[in-house]
Amino acid sequence: MREGPRAVLEDYMKGSGPWGKDLAVAMAAAKEMLDAPSGASWAYLLIYFDLLIRWWKGRSSGPWEDLKSLFRRRKYWVNANRLESIQPVMAEILRRDGLPGVPEGPGLERPLRILFLQQSPCIRNYKYAYALKRRGHRVTLAYIERPLSERYALSDDVYERSVAIRDFRDFWQLSEGFDLIHSHNEPDTYTVLAAGSSVPTIHDTHDLMSLGPETGHVVNRILECLANKLCTGRVSVSPYLVGQVKGLYGGHDGLTVYNFAVLEKPLSKLPKLSERDGRIHIVYEGGMQLGHSYRDPSELFIELSKHGFHVHVYPATYSEKVEEVFSPHKNIHYERPVSPKDLIQILSQYDLGLIPFSVTEQTREVLNASLGNKLFEYLAAGLPVVAPDLVSYRIFFETYPFGCVFGGTEDLFRRIPEVSRIRAIDRTFLFDGQVADVERFYASCLLRHAVDKEGREEVGQRFRAFYRRNVQRWMTFLRGLKRRGIRNLP
């Protein structure tokens, strides 16, 4: 007889008549359950126990009252992503017997208490919190360095409260009052910390450090691996990054949550500057670091200005040094930072949004996986976008033809006039539109955690003991060395 859970179910379906199901099916089911990997045995047992009952009853069609529990139990295996290969077959059994079909994911029975964890909250963190709050969820921020209001012109009121974590043991105590923890990298350290709690943990990868030009100390690689191995569920910013994470660390698939925009008030677009002077006005919003390997677009901006394009720059933080670099060029307008609440309206007066990474062989891999906030803020403002020829952007523009990638400076100069004429952007790209997917993912992770709860609690206890014995003392020692002026430590 063929082996494997899918084969067992297919053999069951092919049986003819009420007694056409061979007892070998149930025996093979029991063997499959015993051979299942740790944690999956519970899910296998539920399915095969139901199949054994069905074989014994000899019912081959129609709704089966004795198996109503099957519909309830399906959540433990469909949404735990453990038995993806047999879902089509199980869905056919449910359909044939008149039972409700297998859904995409479970719903949430009540609003969740969610603990966001990040070294210092970023704009992506804020977008999640804003959208989830609008859906009735209660989001608390746990941070290590600075709260949201100290990084951006935004209020901390988007969170129910913001808690500074001074001692990691305090975090474990704090986490006990929440349904789940949503930890944002980088670094990956804090997801590993969260995995030591008894609460299901989501690991949200903004940047995969292993893809960077400088992967850092081996401890950072270990922490990245542990974060992706120990978490209950994974989230990433692009489909390409989801695939990269799974390729490196295996396990279940992750969810893509794009950095869609947030509008706290209806958008009232401004008149285009180009309608007054007939020139193309390009805008860039985001960070700038002079001399950085890929975050220094100053030379590109100067070249664009020499070709007659107006370049408007809205930095995350104002820099007098950057102002000095741009001041000789009349077509470059270095603006003051603006609040994210007002940014999209201000962007709407320009013709084109620019994403100007400096791509080298050393930086290409990490940039291939990126799909930044500014892409969706430009689109939400109604602007077409040009970006370097990177995998994630290429895939995105193939799906949504509201911009293009460019291969080099000369190629960019040729493409700008054509792309700037795009006006029919019929998608809003707002974060609210994907919150339902996030909620379903949360619910799936809660179910997965419920299946593994007993084993995870044991792992958590072991991890906390290991952390207290080793990691905490080691990190304290390293901090002491840093304070004494020793550099290049993890």
Protein backbone atom coordinates (compact mmCIF):
# COMPACT_ATOMS: atom_id res chain seq x y z
CA MET A 1 0.00 0.00 0.00
CA ARG A 2 1.18 3.54 -0.72
CA GLU A 3 2.55 5.52 2.19
CA GLY A 4 1.88 9.03 3.41
CA PRO A 5 -1.18 10.87 4.71
CA ARG A 6 -2.40 11.97 1.26
CA ALA A 7 -2.21 8.41 -0.04
CA VAL A 8 -4.17 7.13 2.97
CA LEU A 9 -7.00 9.56 2.35
CA GLU A 10 -7.05 8.87 -1.38
CA ASP A 11 -7.28 5.13 -0.74
CA TYR A 12 -10.14 5.82 1.64
CA MET A 13 -12.03 7.84 -0.96
CA LYS A 14 -11.64 5.14 -3.62
CA GLY A 15 -13.32 2.52 -1.44
CA SER A 16 -16.64 1.22 -2.87
CA GLY A 17 -19.75 0.57 -0.76
CA PRO A 18 -20.17 0.93 3.00
CA TRP A 19 -17.67 -1.87 3.71
CA GLY A 20 -15.32 -1.13 0.84
CA LYS A 21 -12.83 0.58 3.15
CA ASP A 22 -10.10 -1.86 4.01
CA LEU A 23 -9.04 -1.97 7.65
CA ALA A 24 -5.51 -1.58 6.27
CA VAL A 25 -6.33 2.11 5.78
CA ALA A 26 -6.87 2.59 9.49
CA MET A 27 -3.78 0.51 10.29
CA ALA A 28 -1.68 2.60 7.91
CA ALA A 29 -3.15 5.69 9.53
CA ALA A 30 -2.02 4.55 12.95
CA LYS A 31 1.47 3.85 11.62
CA GLU A 32 1.60 7.28 9.99
CA MET A 33 0.59 8.87 13.28
CA LEU A 34 3.27 7.03 15.22
CA ASP A 35 5.91 7.98 12.66
CA ALA A 36 4.85 11.64 12.53
CA PRO A 37 7.29 14.30 13.66
CA SER A 38 6.92 15.61 17.18
CA GLY A 39 4.04 18.05 17.44
CA ALA A 40 2.26 16.77 14.33
CA SER A 41 1.11 13.52 15.98
CA TRP A 42 -1.81 15.29 17.66
CA ALA A 43 -3.14 16.53 14.31
CA TYR A 44 -2.64 13.15 12.63
CA LEU A 45 -4.38 11.36 15.49
CA LEU A 46 -7.51 13.49 15.24
CA ILE A 47 -7.84 12.94 11.49
CA TYR A 48 -7.20 9.23 11.53
CA PHE A 49 -9.39 8.60 14.55
CA ASP A 50 -12.26 10.18 12.63
CA LEU A 51 -11.44 8.05 9.59
CA LEU A 52 -11.45 4.89 11.70
CA ILE A 53 -14.89 5.76 13.10
CA ARG A 54 -16.14 6.44 9.60
CA TRP A 55 -14.84 3.07 8.41
CA TRP A 56 -16.50 1.33 11.37
CA LYS A 57 -19.86 3.02 10.83
CA GLY A 58 -19.74 2.17 7.14
CA ARG A 59 -21.36 5.41 6.03
CA SER A 60 -20.30 6.43 2.52
CA SER A 61 -22.41 9.53 1.79
CA GLY A 62 -24.48 12.29 3.34
CA PRO A 63 -23.86 14.42 6.42
CA TRP A 64 -22.66 12.35 9.34
CA GLU A 65 -23.81 13.59 12.73
CA ASP A 66 -21.17 11.58 14.58
CA LEU A 67 -18.43 13.45 12.75
CA LYS A 68 -19.54 17.01 13.41
CA SER A 69 -16.43 17.21 15.54
CA LEU A 70 -14.42 16.81 12.33
CA PHE A 71 -15.40 20.34 11.29
CA ARG A 72 -14.27 21.70 14.65
CA ARG A 73 -11.05 19.75 14.66
CA ARG A 74 -10.00 20.74 11.17
CA LYS A 75 -8.64 23.98 12.58
CA TYR A 76 -5.84 22.12 14.31
CA TRP A 77 -4.39 20.79 11.10
CA VAL A 78 -5.59 23.01 8.25
CA ASN A 79 -4.48 26.20 9.94
CA ALA A 80 -1.41 24.78 11.62
CA ASN A 81 0.11 24.42 8.12
CA ARG A 82 1.30 20.93 9.01
CA LEU A 83 -0.65 18.91 6.46
CA GLU A 84 -0.78 21.12 3.39
CA SER A 85 -0.39 18.17 1.03
CA ILE A 86 -3.68 16.52 2.03
CA GLN A 87 -5.87 19.62 2.15
CA PRO A 88 -7.30 19.18 -1.38
CA VAL A 89 -8.29 15.59 -0.63
CA MET A 90 -9.79 16.44 2.75
CA ALA A 91 -11.71 19.32 1.21
CA GLU A 92 -13.20 16.86 -1.31
CA ILE A 93 -14.28 14.54 1.52
CA LEU A 94 -15.99 17.42 3.29
CA ARG A 95 -17.70 18.49 0.05
CA ARG A 96 -18.88 14.98 -0.82
CA ASP A 97 -20.33 14.38 2.62
CA GLY A 98 -22.16 17.68 2.82
CA LEU A 99 -19.98 19.20 5.51
CA PRO A 100 -18.78 22.81 5.37
CA GLY A 101 -15.70 23.34 3.21
CA VAL A 102 -12.22 24.08 4.42
CA PRO A 103 -11.81 27.85 4.79
CA GLU A 104 -8.68 29.89 4.10
CA GLY A 105 -8.19 30.44 7.81
CA PRO A 106 -10.05 30.81 11.08
CA GLY A 107 -11.69 33.97 12.29
CA LEU A 108 -10.94 35.70 15.56
CA GLU A 109 -13.58 35.28 18.23
CA ARG A 110 -12.65 38.54 19.98
CA PRO A 111 -10.22 41.46 19.71
CA LEU A 112 -6.68 40.48 20.62
CA ARG A 113 -4.26 41.87 23.17
CA ILE A 114 -1.08 42.22 21.14
CA LEU A 115 2.39 43.12 22.40
CA PHE A 116 4.60 44.76 19.78
CA LEU A 117 8.32 44.38 20.49
CA GLN A 118 11.05 46.38 18.76
CA GLN A 119 14.31 48.04 19.67
CA SER A 120 12.77 51.39 18.60
CA PRO A 121 9.44 51.45 16.76
CA CYS A 122 9.60 52.13 13.02
CA ILE A 123 6.97 53.39 10.58
CA ARG A 124 5.95 49.83 9.68
CA ASN A 125 5.32 49.16 13.39
CA TYR A 126 3.17 52.30 13.57
CA LYS A 127 1.16 51.27 10.48
CA TYR A 128 0.31 47.90 12.00
CA ALA A 129 -0.71 49.50 15.30
CA TYR A 130 -2.88 52.13 13.64
CA ALA A 131 -4.72 49.63 11.41
CA LEU A 132 -5.17 47.02 14.16
CA LYS A 133 -6.45 49.63 16.59
CA ARG A 134 -9.10 50.63 14.06
CA ARG A 135 -10.25 46.98 14.08
CA GLY A 136 -10.65 46.98 17.86
CA HIS A 137 -7.43 45.21 18.86
CA ARG A 138 -5.43 46.46 21.84
CA VAL A 139 -1.78 46.99 20.95
CA THR A 140 0.93 47.70 23.52
CA LEU A 141 4.47 48.65 22.54
CA ALA A 142 7.52 47.27 24.33
CA TYR A 143 10.67 49.11 23.25
CA ILE A 144 14.30 49.14 24.34
CA GLU A 145 15.74 52.48 23.16
CA ARG A 146 13.20 55.16 22.12
CA PRO A 147 9.39 55.37 21.85
CA LEU A 148 7.59 56.32 18.64
CA SER A 149 7.21 60.01 19.54
CA GLU A 150 10.97 60.45 19.91
CA ARG A 151 11.67 59.09 16.44
CA TYR A 152 8.87 60.66 14.39
CA ALA A 153 6.34 63.47 14.62
CA LEU A 154 3.73 60.93 15.75
CA SER A 155 1.84 60.37 18.97
CA ASP A 156 2.40 57.36 21.19
CA ASP A 157 -1.40 57.22 21.59
CA VAL A 158 -1.60 54.81 18.67
CA TYR A 159 -0.59 52.21 21.29
CA GLU A 160 -2.63 51.46 24.38
CA ARG A 161 0.60 52.07 26.27
CA SER A 162 4.33 52.13 25.61
CA VAL A 163 6.61 50.26 28.00
CA ALA A 164 10.39 50.68 28.15
CA ILE A 165 12.12 47.33 28.72
CA ARG A 166 15.07 47.76 31.06
CA ASP A 167 15.46 44.15 32.15
CA PHE A 168 14.67 41.18 29.96
CA ARG A 169 13.08 39.34 32.86
CA ASP A 170 10.58 42.17 33.14
CA PHE A 171 9.58 41.52 29.54
CA TRP A 172 8.67 37.90 30.26
CA GLN A 173 6.50 39.03 33.14
CA LEU A 174 4.87 41.73 30.98
CA SER A 175 4.16 39.32 28.13
CA GLU A 176 1.98 37.02 30.23
CA GLY A 177 -0.98 39.37 29.87
CA PHE A 178 -1.13 39.17 26.06
CA ASP A 179 -2.54 36.84 23.41
CA LEU A 180 0.53 37.09 21.19
CA ILE A 181 3.81 38.94 20.70
CA HIS A 182 4.65 40.57 17.36
CA SER A 183 8.40 41.15 17.26
CA HIS A 184 9.99 43.36 14.58
CA ASN A 185 13.61 42.99 13.46
CA GLU A 186 16.37 44.11 13.19
CA PRO A 187 18.05 43.04 15.37
CA ASP A 188 16.65 39.53 15.77
CA THR A 189 17.65 39.39 19.44
CA TYR A 190 14.25 40.34 20.77
CA THR A 191 12.33 37.63 18.93
CA VAL A 192 14.63 35.10 20.59
CA LEU A 193 13.82 36.79 23.89
CA ALA A 194 10.09 36.62 23.15
CA ALA A 195 10.32 32.93 22.23
CA GLY A 196 11.34 32.27 25.83
CA SER A 197 7.88 33.37 27.00
CA SER A 198 4.76 31.23 27.04
CA VAL A 199 3.04 33.48 24.49
CA PRO A 200 2.96 32.75 20.71
CA THR A 201 5.47 34.94 18.89
CA ILE A 202 5.38 36.43 15.38
CA HIS A 203 8.75 37.28 13.83
CA ASP A 204 8.46 40.18 11.36
CA THR A 205 11.51 40.36 9.09
CA HIS A 206 12.00 43.86 7.71
CA ASP A 207 15.59 43.13 6.63
CA LEU A 208 17.23 39.72 6.45
CA MET A 209 20.66 40.35 7.90
CA SER A 210 22.16 37.25 6.26
CA LEU A 211 21.69 38.87 2.85
CA GLY A 212 23.61 42.02 3.78
CA PRO A 213 27.15 42.88 2.68
CA GLU A 214 28.32 42.61 6.29
CA THR A 215 26.55 39.81 8.08
CA GLY A 216 28.34 40.70 11.30
CA HIS A 217 29.45 38.57 14.18
CA VAL A 218 28.52 34.90 14.15
CA VAL A 219 26.26 35.59 17.15
CA ASN A 220 24.02 37.71 14.89
CA ARG A 221 23.66 34.83 12.44
CA ILE A 222 22.81 32.47 15.27
CA LEU A 223 20.20 34.88 16.63
CA GLU A 224 18.63 35.25 13.17
CA CYS A 225 18.42 31.46 12.86
CA LEU A 226 16.93 31.06 16.35
CA ALA A 227 14.39 33.83 15.75
CA ASN A 228 13.11 32.12 12.60
CA LYS A 229 13.21 28.63 14.10
CA LEU A 230 11.61 29.40 17.47
CA CYS A 231 8.83 31.77 16.40
CA THR A 232 5.24 30.63 15.94
CA GLY A 233 4.81 32.45 12.63
CA ARG A 234 6.83 34.55 10.19
CA VAL A 235 5.98 37.78 8.38
CA SER A 236 8.08 39.53 5.72
CA VAL A 237 7.80 42.66 3.59
CA SER A 238 7.82 40.98 0.15
CA PRO A 239 7.09 37.57 -1.42
CA TYR A 240 10.74 37.32 -2.46
CA LEU A 241 11.87 37.79 1.15
CA VAL A 242 9.35 35.19 2.35
CA GLY A 243 10.98 32.71 -0.03
CA GLN A 244 14.49 33.66 1.05
CA VAL A 245 13.65 33.13 4.73
CA LYS A 246 12.06 29.74 4.06
CA GLY A 247 15.01 28.72 1.88
CA LEU A 248 17.45 29.51 4.69
CA TYR A 249 15.53 28.19 7.67
CA GLY A 250 12.83 25.85 6.33
CA GLY A 251 9.61 25.38 8.27
CA HIS A 252 6.19 26.77 7.50
CA ASP A 253 5.44 29.47 4.94
CA GLY A 254 5.36 33.07 6.03
CA LEU A 255 2.89 35.86 5.31
CA THR A 256 3.71 38.81 3.07
CA VAL A 257 2.56 42.07 4.64
CA TYR A 258 3.41 44.98 2.39
CA ASN A 259 4.39 48.36 3.78
CA PHE A 260 1.12 49.85 2.58
CA ALA A 261 0.35 53.45 3.50
CA VAL A 262 -1.81 54.79 6.33
CA LEU A 263 -4.20 57.72 5.87
CA GLU A 264 -5.49 59.19 9.10
CA LYS A 265 -7.64 61.72 7.21
CA PRO A 266 -9.19 61.83 3.72
CA LEU A 267 -6.63 62.68 1.05
CA SER A 268 -7.05 66.04 -0.63
CA LYS A 269 -4.50 66.12 -3.44
CA LEU A 270 -2.55 69.30 -4.16
CA PRO A 271 -2.20 70.89 -7.62
CA LYS A 272 0.80 69.64 -9.58
CA LEU A 273 3.81 71.95 -9.59
CA SER A 274 4.46 70.90 -13.18
CA GLU A 275 1.17 72.48 -14.24
CA ARG A 276 2.66 75.89 -13.37
CA ASP A 277 6.15 75.64 -14.86
CA GLY A 278 5.94 72.75 -17.33
CA ARG A 279 8.93 70.97 -15.72
CA ILE A 280 9.02 67.45 -14.26
CA HIS A 281 9.17 67.45 -10.46
CA ILE A 282 10.61 64.32 -8.84
CA VAL A 283 10.27 63.65 -5.12
CA TYR A 284 12.28 61.51 -2.72
CA GLU A 285 11.29 60.93 0.90
CA GLY A 286 13.34 58.93 3.35
CA GLY A 287 16.69 58.63 5.04
CA MET A 288 19.98 59.85 3.63
CA GLN A 289 23.48 59.04 4.87
CA LEU A 290 26.34 60.67 3.03
CA GLY A 291 28.99 58.07 2.21
CA HIS A 292 26.69 55.10 2.98
CA SER A 293 27.07 52.08 0.69
CA TYR A 294 23.52 52.33 -0.71
CA ARG A 295 21.74 55.14 1.20
CA ASP A 296 23.60 58.07 -0.36
CA PRO A 297 21.70 59.21 -3.50
CA SER A 298 23.28 62.68 -3.51
CA GLU A 299 25.26 62.15 -6.74
CA LEU A 300 22.17 60.87 -8.54
CA PHE A 301 20.13 63.87 -7.41
CA ILE A 302 22.83 66.24 -8.68
CA GLU A 303 22.88 64.50 -12.07
CA LEU A 304 19.08 64.70 -12.31
CA SER A 305 19.18 68.41 -11.54
CA LYS A 306 21.78 68.98 -14.27
CA HIS A 307 19.42 67.31 -16.76
CA GLY A 308 16.72 69.86 -15.94
CA PHE A 309 14.61 67.80 -13.52
CA HIS A 310 13.51 69.33 -10.22
CA VAL A 311 14.31 67.05 -7.27
CA HIS A 312 12.48 67.58 -3.97
CA VAL A 313 13.95 65.80 -0.94
CA TYR A 314 12.03 65.18 2.30
CA PRO A 315 14.53 63.64 4.73
CA ALA A 316 13.62 61.64 7.81
CA THR A 317 16.09 63.83 9.75
CA TYR A 318 17.37 67.23 8.66
CA SER A 319 21.14 67.47 8.10
CA GLU A 320 23.12 70.67 7.61
CA LYS A 321 25.86 68.68 5.87
CA VAL A 322 23.40 67.44 3.28
CA GLU A 323 22.04 70.97 2.90
CA GLU A 324 25.59 72.18 2.12
CA VAL A 325 26.02 69.50 -0.57
CA PHE A 326 22.77 70.47 -2.32
CA SER A 327 22.79 74.25 -1.88
CA PRO A 328 24.81 75.01 -5.09
CA HIS A 329 22.17 73.21 -7.21
CA LYS A 330 19.06 75.33 -7.77
CA ASN A 331 16.94 72.41 -9.01
CA ILE A 332 17.43 70.44 -5.79
CA HIS A 333 15.01 71.45 -3.04
CA TYR A 334 16.08 70.08 0.35
CA GLU A 335 12.95 70.36 2.48
CA ARG A 336 12.39 70.08 6.20
CA PRO A 337 11.02 66.78 7.55
CA VAL A 338 7.22 66.55 7.69
CA SER A 339 4.88 64.48 9.82
CA PRO A 340 3.92 61.10 8.33
CA LYS A 341 0.31 62.21 8.82
CA ASP A 342 0.80 65.02 6.26
CA LEU A 343 3.37 63.35 4.01
CA ILE A 344 1.08 61.71 1.44
CA GLN A 345 -0.83 64.92 0.76
CA ILE A 346 2.45 66.84 0.28
CA LEU A 347 3.76 64.14 -2.08
CA SER A 348 0.68 64.47 -4.30
CA GLN A 349 1.91 67.76 -5.85
CA TYR A 350 4.84 66.05 -7.60
CA ASP A 351 4.99 63.99 -10.80
CA LEU A 352 7.12 61.02 -9.88
CA GLY A 353 8.39 59.18 -6.81
CA LEU A 354 12.01 58.02 -6.82
CA ILE A 355 13.62 55.08 -5.03
CA PRO A 356 17.35 55.70 -5.55
CA PHE A 357 19.34 52.84 -4.00
CA SER A 358 22.97 52.60 -5.08
CA VAL A 359 23.19 48.93 -6.09
CA THR A 360 26.53 47.12 -5.99
CA GLU A 361 27.41 43.44 -6.07
CA GLN A 362 27.81 43.58 -2.28
CA THR A 363 24.40 45.18 -1.65
CA ARG A 364 22.32 43.63 -4.44
CA GLU A 365 21.17 40.56 -2.51
CA VAL A 366 19.79 42.43 0.48
CA LEU A 367 18.19 45.09 -1.74
CA ASN A 368 16.57 42.42 -3.95
CA ALA A 369 14.42 41.48 -0.97
CA SER A 370 13.40 45.03 -0.03
CA LEU A 371 10.07 46.71 -0.77
CA GLY A 372 10.12 49.89 1.28
CA ASN A 373 7.54 52.18 2.85
CA LYS A 374 8.18 54.95 0.33
CA LEU A 375 6.96 52.83 -2.62
CA PHE A 376 3.46 52.63 -1.18
CA GLU A 377 3.42 56.20 0.10
CA TYR A 378 4.20 57.42 -3.41
CA LEU A 379 1.44 55.22 -4.85
CA ALA A 380 -1.05 56.31 -2.19
CA ALA A 381 -0.34 59.91 -3.24
CA GLY A 382 -1.10 58.96 -6.85
CA LEU A 383 2.51 59.07 -8.06
CA PRO A 384 4.10 56.57 -10.43
CA VAL A 385 7.43 55.23 -9.19
CA VAL A 386 10.85 54.45 -10.63
CA ALA A 387 13.17 52.10 -8.74
CA PRO A 388 16.45 50.25 -9.39
CA ASP A 389 16.27 46.93 -11.20
CA LEU A 390 15.81 44.73 -8.12
CA VAL A 391 13.86 41.48 -7.93
CA SER A 392 11.09 42.55 -5.53
CA TYR A 393 10.40 45.80 -7.40
CA ARG A 394 10.46 44.04 -10.77
CA ILE A 395 7.89 41.49 -9.54
CA PHE A 396 5.73 44.24 -8.07
CA PHE A 397 5.63 46.36 -11.22
CA GLU A 398 4.82 43.30 -13.32
CA THR A 399 1.68 42.91 -11.18
CA TYR A 400 0.89 46.61 -10.73
CA PRO A 401 2.00 48.66 -13.80
CA PHE A 402 2.33 51.95 -11.94
CA GLY A 403 6.04 52.42 -12.45
CA CYS A 404 9.15 50.70 -13.70
CA VAL A 405 12.69 49.68 -12.82
CA PHE A 406 15.74 51.31 -14.35
CA GLY A 407 19.08 49.77 -15.20
CA GLY A 408 21.37 52.76 -14.78
CA THR A 409 21.55 56.55 -14.75
CA GLU A 410 21.11 57.00 -18.51
CA ASP A 411 18.21 54.53 -18.53
CA LEU A 412 16.60 56.51 -15.70
CA PHE A 413 16.86 59.77 -17.66
CA ARG A 414 15.10 58.13 -20.63
CA ARG A 415 12.30 56.59 -18.56
CA ILE A 416 11.35 59.58 -16.39
CA PRO A 417 9.34 61.53 -19.02
CA GLU A 418 7.29 58.47 -19.99
CA VAL A 419 6.63 57.22 -16.46
CA SER A 420 5.76 60.69 -15.13
CA ARG A 421 2.73 60.75 -17.46
CA ILE A 422 1.10 57.79 -15.67
CA ARG A 423 -1.97 59.13 -13.87
CA ALA A 424 -4.51 56.28 -13.67
CA ILE A 425 -3.38 54.70 -10.40
CA ASP A 426 -6.57 52.91 -9.43
CA ARG A 427 -5.33 51.22 -6.27
CA THR A 428 -5.08 52.91 -2.89
CA PHE A 429 -2.44 50.59 -1.38
CA LEU A 430 -3.63 51.32 2.16
CA PHE A 431 -2.68 49.17 5.14
CA ASP A 432 -6.33 48.80 6.19
CA GLY A 433 -6.86 46.65 3.10
CA GLN A 434 -4.60 43.85 4.35
CA VAL A 435 -5.50 43.81 8.04
CA ALA A 436 -7.95 40.94 7.49
CA ASP A 437 -5.05 38.82 6.18
CA VAL A 438 -3.02 39.72 9.27
CA GLU A 439 -5.93 38.73 11.53
CA ARG A 440 -6.30 35.35 9.83
CA PHE A 441 -2.57 34.80 10.17
CA TYR A 442 -2.70 35.71 13.86
CA ALA A 443 -5.54 33.23 14.37
CA SER A 444 -3.60 30.48 12.57
CA CYS A 445 -0.58 31.13 14.77
CA LEU A 446 -2.72 30.98 17.91
CA LEU A 447 -4.03 27.59 16.79
CA ARG A 448 -0.57 26.34 15.94
CA HIS A 449 0.60 27.44 19.35
CA ALA A 450 -2.33 25.67 21.01
CA VAL A 451 -1.35 22.39 19.36
CA ASP A 452 2.24 22.72 20.55
CA LYS A 453 1.55 24.46 23.84
CA GLU A 454 2.74 21.72 26.13
CA GLY A 455 5.98 21.25 24.23
CA ARG A 456 6.55 25.00 23.89
CA GLU A 457 6.10 25.61 27.59
CA GLU A 458 8.81 23.07 28.27
CA VAL A 459 11.08 24.72 25.68
CA GLY A 460 10.34 28.12 27.21
CA GLN A 461 11.33 26.96 30.68
CA ARG A 462 14.53 25.46 29.35
CA PHE A 463 15.33 28.59 27.35
CA ARG A 464 14.80 30.92 30.30
CA ALA A 465 17.09 28.80 32.42
CA PHE A 466 19.71 28.70 29.64
CA TYR A 467 19.44 32.47 29.14
CA ARG A 468 19.95 33.23 32.80
CA ARG A 469 22.94 30.87 33.03
CA ASN A 470 24.74 31.91 29.85
CA VAL A 471 23.47 34.56 27.47
CA GLN A 472 22.67 37.30 29.98
CA ARG A 473 26.07 37.04 31.67
CA TRP A 474 27.83 36.98 28.28
CA MET A 475 25.99 40.08 27.00
CA THR A 476 26.67 41.93 30.27
CA PHE A 477 30.36 41.12 29.87
CA LEU A 478 30.37 42.43 26.27
CA ARG A 479 28.61 45.65 27.25
CA GLY A 480 31.26 46.19 29.89
CA LEU A 481 33.98 45.82 27.27
CA LYS A 482 32.21 48.29 24.99
CA ARG A 483 31.99 50.85 27.76
CA ARG A 484 35.75 50.51 28.12
CA GLY A 485 36.18 51.50 24.48
CA ILE A 486 36.59 48.08 22.86
CA ARG A 487 34.78 48.06 19.49
CA ASN A 488 33.62 45.58 16.84
CA LEU A 489 31.77 43.39 19.29
CA PRO A 490 28.30 41.85 18.72
